Amino acid sequence: MQEEFVQPAEVEILLFYPCPRCGRKVPAIAPKEVSQIKCDECGQVFLIAPVDEKGICYLKTALVHGLALVKEGYN
């Protein structure tokens, strides 16, 4: 029996913001408005700048919602 691979249905853009206290790069999924995040290393809470929604939309479209990232032969 040949198994079929499940294809991606969506892609998210993960950004890394440096903690102002310890410098650890804290991940956040492309925030569309000013947000607070907490460093998982030192516990510092800090504000992060939002991203341009048009830019994120462009990247998601260019990546065909993740399908363009699938390795050849698995699609």
N, C-alpha and C. Protein backbone atom coordinates (compact mmCIF):
# COMPACT_ATOMS: atom_id res chain seq x y z
N MET A 1 0.84 -1.18 0.00
CA MET A 1 0.00 0.00 0.00
C MET A 1 0.89 1.24 0.00
N GLN A 2 0.68 2.11 -0.97
CA GLN A 2 1.46 3.33 -1.06
C GLN A 2 0.77 4.43 -0.27
N GLU A 3 1.52 5.05 0.62
CA GLU A 3 0.96 6.15 1.41
C GLU A 3 1.12 7.45 0.65
N GLU A 4 0.13 8.33 0.78
CA GLU A 4 0.21 9.65 0.17
C GLU A 4 0.62 10.66 1.24
N PHE A 5 1.41 11.60 0.83
CA PHE A 5 1.87 12.63 1.75
C PHE A 5 0.85 13.74 1.86
N VAL A 6 0.65 14.23 3.06
CA VAL A 6 -0.25 15.36 3.29
C VAL A 6 0.51 16.63 2.96
N GLN A 7 -0.12 17.51 2.20
CA GLN A 7 0.50 18.76 1.77
C GLN A 7 0.18 19.87 2.78
N PRO A 8 1.03 20.88 2.86
CA PRO A 8 0.74 22.00 3.76
C PRO A 8 -0.53 22.72 3.33
N ALA A 9 -1.27 23.21 4.29
CA ALA A 9 -2.51 23.95 4.02
C ALA A 9 -2.31 25.44 4.25
N GLU A 10 -1.27 25.79 4.98
CA GLU A 10 -1.04 27.20 5.33
C GLU A 10 0.42 27.36 5.73
N VAL A 11 0.89 28.58 5.69
CA VAL A 11 2.24 28.90 6.13
C VAL A 11 2.15 30.13 7.04
N GLU A 12 2.99 30.19 8.04
CA GLU A 12 3.07 31.36 8.91
C GLU A 12 4.49 31.88 8.87
N ILE A 13 4.62 33.16 9.10
CA ILE A 13 5.93 33.79 9.10
C ILE A 13 6.33 34.00 10.56
N LEU A 14 7.41 33.37 10.95
CA LEU A 14 7.91 33.44 12.31
C LEU A 14 9.06 34.45 12.35
N LEU A 15 8.91 35.46 13.19
CA LEU A 15 9.94 36.48 13.35
C LEU A 15 10.61 36.32 14.71
N PHE A 16 11.85 36.74 14.79
CA PHE A 16 12.59 36.65 16.05
C PHE A 16 12.96 38.06 16.52
N TYR A 17 12.57 38.38 17.75
CA TYR A 17 12.83 39.69 18.35
C TYR A 17 13.84 39.52 19.47
N PRO A 18 14.93 40.30 19.47
CA PRO A 18 15.93 40.17 20.52
C PRO A 18 15.43 40.75 21.84
N CYS A 19 15.56 40.00 22.90
CA CYS A 19 15.18 40.47 24.23
C CYS A 19 16.11 41.62 24.62
N PRO A 20 15.54 42.75 25.06
CA PRO A 20 16.39 43.88 25.43
C PRO A 20 17.24 43.63 26.68
N ARG A 21 16.88 42.63 27.48
CA ARG A 21 17.64 42.35 28.70
C ARG A 21 18.77 41.35 28.45
N CYS A 22 18.45 40.20 27.86
CA CYS A 22 19.46 39.15 27.74
C CYS A 22 19.91 38.88 26.29
N GLY A 23 19.19 39.44 25.32
CA GLY A 23 19.58 39.28 23.92
C GLY A 23 19.03 38.03 23.24
N ARG A 24 18.36 37.17 23.99
CA ARG A 24 17.80 35.94 23.39
C ARG A 24 16.82 36.33 22.29
N LYS A 25 16.85 35.60 21.19
CA LYS A 25 15.94 35.85 20.08
C LYS A 25 14.63 35.13 20.36
N VAL A 26 13.58 35.90 20.65
CA VAL A 26 12.28 35.35 21.04
C VAL A 26 11.38 35.28 19.80
N PRO A 27 10.84 34.10 19.48
CA PRO A 27 10.00 33.97 18.29
C PRO A 27 8.59 34.50 18.51
N ALA A 28 8.04 35.07 17.43
CA ALA A 28 6.65 35.53 17.43
C ALA A 28 6.12 35.38 16.01
N ILE A 29 4.90 34.89 15.89
CA ILE A 29 4.27 34.78 14.58
C ILE A 29 3.84 36.17 14.16
N ALA A 30 4.41 36.65 13.06
CA ALA A 30 4.18 37.96 12.46
C ALA A 30 3.04 38.76 13.08
N PRO A 31 3.33 39.56 14.11
CA PRO A 31 2.28 40.34 14.76
C PRO A 31 1.80 41.49 13.87
N LYS A 32 0.49 41.63 13.75
CA LYS A 32 -0.07 42.67 12.89
C LYS A 32 -0.35 43.96 13.65
N GLU A 33 -0.17 43.92 14.95
CA GLU A 33 -0.31 45.14 15.76
C GLU A 33 0.70 45.08 16.89
N VAL A 34 0.93 46.22 17.54
CA VAL A 34 1.88 46.27 18.64
C VAL A 34 1.47 45.23 19.68
N SER A 35 2.43 44.45 20.11
CA SER A 35 2.16 43.37 21.06
C SER A 35 3.25 43.33 22.12
N GLN A 36 2.97 42.59 23.18
CA GLN A 36 3.97 42.31 24.21
C GLN A 36 4.31 40.84 24.13
N ILE A 37 5.58 40.53 24.30
CA ILE A 37 5.98 39.13 24.43
C ILE A 37 6.89 39.01 25.64
N LYS A 38 7.03 37.78 26.09
CA LYS A 38 7.85 37.51 27.27
C LYS A 38 9.01 36.61 26.86
N CYS A 39 10.19 37.00 27.25
CA CYS A 39 11.37 36.20 26.98
C CYS A 39 11.31 34.93 27.82
N ASP A 40 11.47 33.80 27.16
CA ASP A 40 11.42 32.52 27.89
C ASP A 40 12.74 32.21 28.60
N GLU A 41 13.75 33.06 28.39
CA GLU A 41 15.03 32.87 29.06
C GLU A 41 15.11 33.64 30.38
N CYS A 42 14.81 34.95 30.34
CA CYS A 42 14.98 35.78 31.53
C CYS A 42 13.67 36.32 32.11
N GLY A 43 12.57 36.15 31.38
CA GLY A 43 11.27 36.58 31.89
C GLY A 43 10.91 38.03 31.57
N GLN A 44 11.80 38.77 30.90
CA GLN A 44 11.53 40.16 30.54
C GLN A 44 10.33 40.23 29.59
N VAL A 45 9.41 41.13 29.89
CA VAL A 45 8.27 41.41 29.00
C VAL A 45 8.60 42.69 28.24
N PHE A 46 8.42 42.66 26.92
CA PHE A 46 8.74 43.84 26.12
C PHE A 46 7.81 43.96 24.92
N LEU A 47 7.72 45.21 24.42
CA LEU A 47 6.88 45.49 23.27
C LEU A 47 7.61 45.14 21.99
N ILE A 48 6.86 44.62 21.02
CA ILE A 48 7.44 44.32 19.71
C ILE A 48 6.70 45.11 18.63
N ALA A 49 7.44 45.51 17.64
CA ALA A 49 6.87 46.29 16.53
C ALA A 49 6.07 45.36 15.61
N PRO A 50 4.94 45.85 15.12
CA PRO A 50 4.14 45.05 14.19
C PRO A 50 4.77 45.00 12.80
N VAL A 51 4.33 44.04 12.01
CA VAL A 51 4.80 43.91 10.63
C VAL A 51 3.76 44.44 9.67
N ASP A 52 4.20 44.73 8.46
CA ASP A 52 3.29 45.20 7.42
C ASP A 52 2.47 44.02 6.90
N GLU A 53 1.18 44.10 7.05
CA GLU A 53 0.30 43.00 6.66
C GLU A 53 0.40 42.70 5.16
N LYS A 54 0.63 43.72 4.35
CA LYS A 54 0.76 43.50 2.90
C LYS A 54 1.99 42.66 2.59
N GLY A 55 3.07 42.91 3.31
CA GLY A 55 4.29 42.14 3.11
C GLY A 55 4.10 40.67 3.48
N ILE A 56 3.42 40.43 4.58
CA ILE A 56 3.14 39.05 5.01
C ILE A 56 2.24 38.35 4.00
N CYS A 57 1.23 39.06 3.53
CA CYS A 57 0.32 38.50 2.52
C CYS A 57 1.09 38.14 1.25
N TYR A 58 2.00 39.02 0.85
CA TYR A 58 2.82 38.76 -0.34
C TYR A 58 3.65 37.48 -0.16
N LEU A 59 4.32 37.36 0.98
CA LEU A 59 5.15 36.17 1.23
C LEU A 59 4.32 34.89 1.23
N LYS A 60 3.17 34.93 1.88
CA LYS A 60 2.31 33.74 1.92
C LYS A 60 1.84 33.37 0.52
N THR A 61 1.51 34.39 -0.29
CA THR A 61 1.06 34.13 -1.66
C THR A 61 2.21 33.57 -2.50
N ALA A 62 3.39 34.16 -2.36
CA ALA A 62 4.55 33.70 -3.12
C ALA A 62 4.92 32.26 -2.77
N LEU A 63 4.68 31.87 -1.54
CA LEU A 63 4.98 30.50 -1.10
C LEU A 63 3.81 29.55 -1.34
N VAL A 64 2.78 30.04 -1.99
CA VAL A 64 1.57 29.26 -2.29
C VAL A 64 1.07 28.56 -1.02
N HIS A 65 1.01 29.33 0.05
CA HIS A 65 0.54 28.86 1.36
C HIS A 65 1.32 27.62 1.84
N GLY A 66 2.58 27.56 1.47
CA GLY A 66 3.44 26.47 1.92
C GLY A 66 3.72 25.42 0.87
N LEU A 67 2.90 25.33 -0.14
CA LEU A 67 3.08 24.30 -1.16
C LEU A 67 4.37 24.46 -1.94
N ALA A 68 4.83 25.70 -2.13
CA ALA A 68 6.08 25.94 -2.87
C ALA A 68 7.29 25.44 -2.10
N LEU A 69 7.13 25.14 -0.82
CA LEU A 69 8.24 24.68 0.01
C LEU A 69 8.38 23.15 0.04
N VAL A 70 7.40 22.46 -0.49
CA VAL A 70 7.43 20.99 -0.46
C VAL A 70 8.55 20.49 -1.39
N LYS A 71 9.35 19.60 -0.86
CA LYS A 71 10.46 19.05 -1.62
C LYS A 71 9.94 18.30 -2.84
N GLU A 72 10.65 18.48 -3.97
CA GLU A 72 10.25 17.84 -5.20
C GLU A 72 10.15 16.32 -5.02
N GLY A 73 9.14 15.75 -5.57
CA GLY A 73 8.91 14.31 -5.45
C GLY A 73 7.93 13.95 -4.34
N TYR A 74 7.57 14.92 -3.50
CA TYR A 74 6.64 14.67 -2.41
C TYR A 74 5.32 15.40 -2.63
N ASN A 75 5.10 15.85 -3.85
CA ASN A 75 3.87 16.59 -4.12
C ASN A 75 2.96 15.85 -5.06
